[in-house]
């Protein structure tokens, strides 16, 4: 199947452009020893940044390495405008030089460029990352996708709330967490309990309901094994329970979804009791 898409700018009418785009950059490999960080506008590497550096170094691959944006400064060195963390990771990995995009910029323009690059970065949404992991054959992504297929769940992106259908969710990160924390049967049952009930609880495959349902079905095996329990959830008003959870006062050190889990467990206990001979 064809997956390549050309760049299309037909829907970008009415843009006014600056008069000049500035000098064209050059691409070249530069020794890391020639690169420096200008602390006049650059931040230091924080504790979380150090974790990021470690992660980049541990999984270092050139196919994951974007060129570092630098500007020439006095003394034959280059100031890093963007790429401090990945350059540090490359040095940690033992690399002597890195690919750089060299731009002509004085100190103030470097600071403006640093700000612009960081402000203009487009965060990749988790559903798009999941799609990429699937395309790469990532084992966890493939397992999660199989679980979703079995449960009637579809991970979607860029879908407005009013166009969501039964089983649609954007809460992919919580799904990855649940896949890591619970057995497959727990996650499949929890997801089915949400999407198979009533009208499908459209739009409620969110972090809190998924977390609450997984918690209850993991702790209460008898709920998973009772054939009529899922059917009883046609009478459980998840929307009302979700609203009660949002309105409940916060308890320090307790996840908000615990309120929803208590509601669900109380309902299922009563339903199971009514099913007993």
Protein backbone atom coordinates (compact mmCIF):
# COMPACT_ATOMS: atom_id res chain seq x y z
CA UNK A 1 0.00 0.00 0.00
CA UNK A 2 1.29 3.46 -0.90
CA UNK A 3 2.24 5.42 2.24
CA UNK A 4 4.32 8.23 0.76
CA UNK A 5 2.69 11.67 0.76
CA UNK A 6 4.00 14.75 -1.02
CA UNK A 7 4.27 18.11 0.77
CA UNK A 8 1.07 20.06 0.10
CA UNK A 9 0.74 23.80 0.86
CA UNK A 10 -2.53 24.42 -0.97
CA UNK A 11 -4.45 25.16 2.27
CA UNK A 12 -2.13 27.91 3.56
CA UNK A 13 -3.54 31.00 1.87
CA UNK A 14 -3.29 34.46 3.41
CA UNK A 15 0.17 34.20 5.01
CA UNK A 16 2.36 37.33 5.10
CA UNK A 17 6.08 36.63 4.97
CA UNK A 18 9.12 38.47 6.31
CA UNK A 19 11.17 40.27 3.66
CA UNK A 20 14.30 38.16 4.14
CA UNK A 21 14.93 34.56 5.12
CA UNK A 22 18.56 35.31 6.03
CA UNK A 23 21.74 33.60 4.77
CA UNK A 24 21.36 29.97 3.76
CA UNK A 25 22.79 27.52 6.32
CA UNK A 26 25.56 25.04 5.60
CA UNK A 27 25.70 21.41 6.64
CA UNK A 28 28.95 19.98 7.95
CA UNK A 29 30.43 17.61 10.51
CA UNK A 30 32.06 19.46 13.40
CA UNK A 31 34.20 18.06 16.21
CA UNK A 32 32.38 18.15 19.55
CA UNK A 33 35.41 19.85 21.11
CA UNK A 34 34.71 22.88 18.90
CA UNK A 35 31.11 23.21 20.14
CA UNK A 36 30.15 25.32 23.14
CA UNK A 37 27.03 26.39 25.04
CA UNK A 38 26.40 30.11 25.48
CA UNK A 39 25.00 30.48 29.00
CA UNK A 40 23.76 33.97 28.17
CA UNK A 41 20.64 32.36 26.71
CA UNK A 42 21.04 28.59 27.12
CA UNK A 43 19.95 26.68 30.22
CA UNK A 44 22.07 24.10 31.96
CA UNK A 45 21.23 20.41 31.80
CA UNK A 46 18.72 19.70 34.56
CA UNK A 47 18.17 16.42 36.41
CA UNK A 48 15.46 15.42 33.93
CA UNK A 49 17.74 16.56 31.12
CA UNK A 50 20.48 14.24 32.40
CA UNK A 51 18.02 11.36 32.23
CA UNK A 52 17.25 12.36 28.65
CA UNK A 53 20.97 12.44 27.81
CA UNK A 54 21.42 8.96 29.31
CA UNK A 55 18.48 7.62 27.33
CA UNK A 56 19.79 9.08 24.06
CA UNK A 57 23.28 7.69 24.71
CA UNK A 58 22.02 4.24 25.66
CA UNK A 59 19.95 3.91 22.49
CA UNK A 60 22.22 5.99 20.27
CA UNK A 61 21.68 5.60 16.53
CA UNK A 62 22.51 8.09 13.81
CA UNK A 63 19.07 7.54 12.28
CA UNK A 64 17.64 9.09 15.47
CA UNK A 65 20.04 12.06 15.50
CA UNK A 66 18.88 15.41 14.08
CA UNK A 67 21.61 17.86 13.01
CA UNK A 68 22.70 20.27 15.72
CA UNK A 69 22.02 23.95 14.93
CA UNK A 70 25.14 26.04 15.59
CA UNK A 71 26.56 29.49 14.85
CA UNK A 72 30.26 30.38 14.43
CA UNK A 73 31.73 32.47 17.28
CA UNK A 74 35.14 33.95 18.07
CA UNK A 75 38.07 31.60 18.49
CA UNK A 76 37.02 29.17 15.78
CA UNK A 77 34.30 27.63 17.92
CA UNK A 78 30.56 27.18 17.35
CA UNK A 79 27.76 28.07 19.77
CA UNK A 80 25.03 25.43 20.03
CA UNK A 81 21.62 26.98 19.35
CA UNK A 82 19.72 23.69 19.43
CA UNK A 83 21.06 20.25 20.31
CA UNK A 84 22.86 20.55 23.65
CA UNK A 85 21.36 17.33 25.00
CA UNK A 86 21.95 15.15 21.95
CA UNK A 87 25.50 16.53 21.53
CA UNK A 88 26.24 15.64 25.16
CA UNK A 89 24.80 12.16 24.55
CA UNK A 90 26.98 11.76 21.45
CA UNK A 91 30.05 12.73 23.47
CA UNK A 92 29.01 10.28 26.20
CA UNK A 93 28.65 7.56 23.54
CA UNK A 94 32.19 8.25 22.38
CA UNK A 95 31.51 10.17 19.17
CA UNK A 96 34.16 12.68 18.13
CA UNK A 97 32.01 14.82 15.83
CA UNK A 98 28.34 15.43 15.00
CA UNK A 99 26.43 16.67 11.94
CA UNK A 100 25.62 20.37 12.26
CA UNK A 101 23.59 22.99 10.45
CA UNK A 102 25.73 26.13 10.57
CA UNK A 103 23.83 29.43 10.52
CA UNK A 104 25.21 32.96 10.52
CA UNK A 105 23.94 34.68 13.68
CA UNK A 106 25.36 37.06 16.27
CA UNK A 107 24.60 36.71 20.00
CA UNK A 108 21.14 38.35 20.02
CA UNK A 109 20.10 36.49 16.85
CA UNK A 110 21.33 33.21 18.38
CA UNK A 111 19.11 33.84 21.40
CA UNK A 112 16.15 34.65 19.16
CA UNK A 113 16.83 31.50 17.13
CA UNK A 114 17.02 29.41 20.31
CA UNK A 115 13.66 30.78 21.41
CA UNK A 116 12.07 30.32 17.98
CA UNK A 117 13.30 26.75 17.53
CA UNK A 118 12.00 25.70 20.93
CA UNK A 119 8.69 27.55 20.53
CA UNK A 120 8.04 26.19 17.04
CA UNK A 121 8.74 22.54 17.80
CA UNK A 122 5.62 20.47 17.15
CA UNK A 123 5.04 17.94 19.89
CA UNK A 124 4.27 14.52 18.45
CA UNK A 125 1.08 13.19 20.01
CA UNK A 126 1.18 9.74 21.64
CA UNK A 127 -1.20 8.17 19.05
CA UNK A 128 1.21 9.22 16.29
CA UNK A 129 4.13 7.76 18.24
CA UNK A 130 2.18 4.51 18.65
CA UNK A 131 1.57 4.40 14.89
CA UNK A 132 5.30 4.85 14.28
CA UNK A 133 6.15 2.12 16.80
CA UNK A 134 3.77 -0.22 14.99
CA UNK A 135 5.41 0.55 11.66
CA UNK A 136 8.80 -0.16 13.25
CA UNK A 137 7.60 -3.56 14.48
CA UNK A 138 7.95 -2.66 18.16
CA UNK A 139 6.93 -5.73 20.20
CA UNK A 140 5.06 -3.79 22.91
CA UNK A 141 3.13 -1.74 20.36
CA UNK A 142 2.16 -4.90 18.49
CA UNK A 143 0.98 -6.58 21.71
CA UNK A 144 -1.06 -3.53 22.67
CA UNK A 145 -2.59 -3.29 19.23
CA UNK A 146 -3.65 -6.94 19.40
CA UNK A 147 -5.25 -6.32 22.81
CA UNK A 148 -7.14 -3.32 21.45
CA UNK A 149 -8.35 -5.31 18.44
CA UNK A 150 -9.64 -8.07 20.71
CA UNK A 151 -11.41 -5.57 22.96
CA UNK A 152 -12.94 -3.53 20.12
CA UNK A 153 -10.79 -0.47 20.83
CA UNK A 154 -9.22 1.77 18.18
CA UNK A 155 -6.41 4.24 18.90
CA UNK A 156 -7.16 7.42 16.94
CA UNK A 157 -5.53 10.82 16.52
CA UNK A 158 -6.81 14.24 15.47
CA UNK A 159 -10.42 13.14 15.98
CA UNK A 160 -12.75 15.78 17.50
CA UNK A 161 -14.76 14.61 20.50
CA UNK A 162 -18.03 14.94 18.57
CA UNK A 163 -16.75 12.53 15.89
CA UNK A 164 -15.59 9.81 18.27
CA UNK A 165 -17.17 6.39 17.71
CA UNK A 166 -17.62 3.37 19.94
CA UNK A 167 -14.19 2.10 20.97
CA UNK A 168 -12.23 5.19 19.88
CA UNK A 169 -9.56 6.50 22.26
CA UNK A 170 -6.58 8.85 22.28
CA UNK A 171 -5.46 7.70 25.74
CA UNK A 172 -2.63 5.62 24.35
CA UNK A 173 -0.13 6.30 27.15
CA UNK A 174 -2.41 4.86 29.83
CA UNK A 175 -2.94 1.81 27.61
CA UNK A 176 0.83 1.27 27.47
CA UNK A 177 0.98 1.62 31.27
CA UNK A 178 -1.87 -0.83 31.78
CA UNK A 179 -0.27 -3.33 29.37
CA UNK A 180 2.88 -3.14 31.48
CA UNK A 181 1.11 -3.41 34.86
CA UNK A 182 -1.60 -6.02 34.24
CA UNK A 183 -2.11 -9.38 32.59
CA UNK A 184 -3.57 -9.37 29.10
CA UNK A 185 -6.90 -10.81 30.29
CA UNK A 186 -7.36 -7.96 32.77
CA UNK A 187 -6.82 -5.25 30.18
CA UNK A 188 -9.01 -6.93 27.55
CA UNK A 189 -11.83 -7.44 30.06
CA UNK A 190 -11.59 -3.87 31.39
CA UNK A 191 -11.71 -2.35 27.91
CA UNK A 192 -14.59 -4.59 26.85
CA UNK A 193 -16.47 -3.64 30.00
CA UNK A 194 -16.34 -0.02 28.88
CA UNK A 195 -17.01 -0.34 25.14
CA UNK A 196 -19.54 -3.19 25.21
CA UNK A 197 -21.84 -1.58 27.76
CA UNK A 198 -24.94 0.35 26.67
CA UNK A 199 -24.18 2.77 23.88
CA UNK A 200 -20.46 2.08 24.14
CA UNK A 201 -19.57 4.93 26.52
CA UNK A 202 -18.33 6.90 23.53
CA UNK A 203 -15.67 9.44 24.53
CA UNK A 204 -15.08 7.85 27.94
CA UNK A 205 -12.09 5.66 27.05
CA UNK A 206 -9.98 8.08 29.06
CA UNK A 207 -7.18 7.77 31.60
CA UNK A 208 -9.41 7.59 34.69
CA UNK A 209 -12.02 5.05 33.51
CA UNK A 210 -9.37 2.78 31.98
CA UNK A 211 -7.29 2.93 35.19
CA UNK A 212 -10.33 2.32 37.42
CA UNK A 213 -11.69 -0.61 35.41
CA UNK A 214 -8.26 -2.28 35.21
CA UNK A 215 -7.78 -1.91 38.96
CA UNK A 216 -11.17 -3.44 39.80
CA UNK A 217 -10.93 -6.35 37.36
CA UNK A 218 -7.34 -7.08 38.42
CA UNK A 219 -8.23 -7.25 42.13
CA UNK A 220 -11.55 -9.05 41.69
CA UNK A 221 -10.97 -12.13 39.57
CA UNK A 222 -14.51 -13.32 40.28
CA UNK A 223 -15.81 -10.37 38.26
CA UNK A 224 -13.74 -11.42 35.25
CA UNK A 225 -14.93 -15.02 35.51
CA UNK A 226 -18.65 -14.34 35.98
CA UNK A 227 -20.29 -14.61 32.53
CA UNK A 228 -23.06 -12.07 33.21
CA UNK A 229 -21.02 -9.35 34.92
CA UNK A 230 -20.17 -7.50 31.70
CA UNK A 231 -23.84 -7.57 30.68
CA UNK A 232 -24.82 -6.01 34.02
CA UNK A 233 -22.75 -2.94 33.17
CA UNK A 234 -25.46 -1.87 30.73
CA UNK A 235 -27.08 -0.41 33.87
CA UNK A 236 -23.93 1.28 35.19
CA UNK A 237 -23.96 4.99 34.34
CA UNK A 238 -20.30 5.62 33.61
CA UNK A 239 -20.93 9.23 32.61
CA UNK A 240 -22.53 9.99 35.99
CA UNK A 241 -19.76 8.12 37.83
CA UNK A 242 -17.14 10.04 35.87
CA UNK A 243 -18.81 13.34 36.77
CA UNK A 244 -18.96 12.35 40.46
CA UNK A 245 -15.28 11.57 40.34
CA UNK A 246 -14.49 14.99 38.86
CA UNK A 247 -16.57 16.77 41.50
CA UNK A 248 -15.23 14.78 44.46
CA UNK A 249 -12.73 16.58 46.71
CA UNK A 250 -9.14 15.63 46.05
CA UNK A 251 -7.44 13.39 48.60
CA UNK A 252 -3.72 13.91 49.03
CA UNK A 253 -1.70 10.99 47.74
CA UNK A 254 -4.67 9.29 46.09
CA UNK A 255 -5.37 9.03 42.38
CA UNK A 256 -8.68 10.60 41.42
CA UNK A 257 -9.73 7.46 39.54
CA UNK A 258 -9.98 5.65 42.90
CA UNK A 259 -13.35 7.36 43.38
CA UNK A 260 -14.57 5.90 40.09
CA UNK A 261 -13.12 2.49 40.97
CA UNK A 262 -15.07 2.47 44.25
CA UNK A 263 -18.31 3.30 42.42
CA UNK A 264 -17.69 0.54 39.88
CA UNK A 265 -16.77 -2.07 42.47
CA UNK A 266 -19.83 -1.26 44.61
CA UNK A 267 -22.09 -1.65 41.57
CA UNK A 268 -20.52 -4.95 40.52
CA UNK A 269 -20.73 -6.34 44.05
CA UNK A 270 -24.45 -5.58 44.13
CA UNK A 271 -24.96 -7.01 40.63
CA UNK A 272 -23.08 -10.22 41.48
CA UNK A 273 -25.01 -10.61 44.72
CA UNK A 274 -28.28 -10.33 42.77
CA UNK A 275 -27.13 -13.04 40.37
CA UNK A 276 -26.47 -15.58 43.13
CA UNK A 277 -29.04 -18.34 43.57
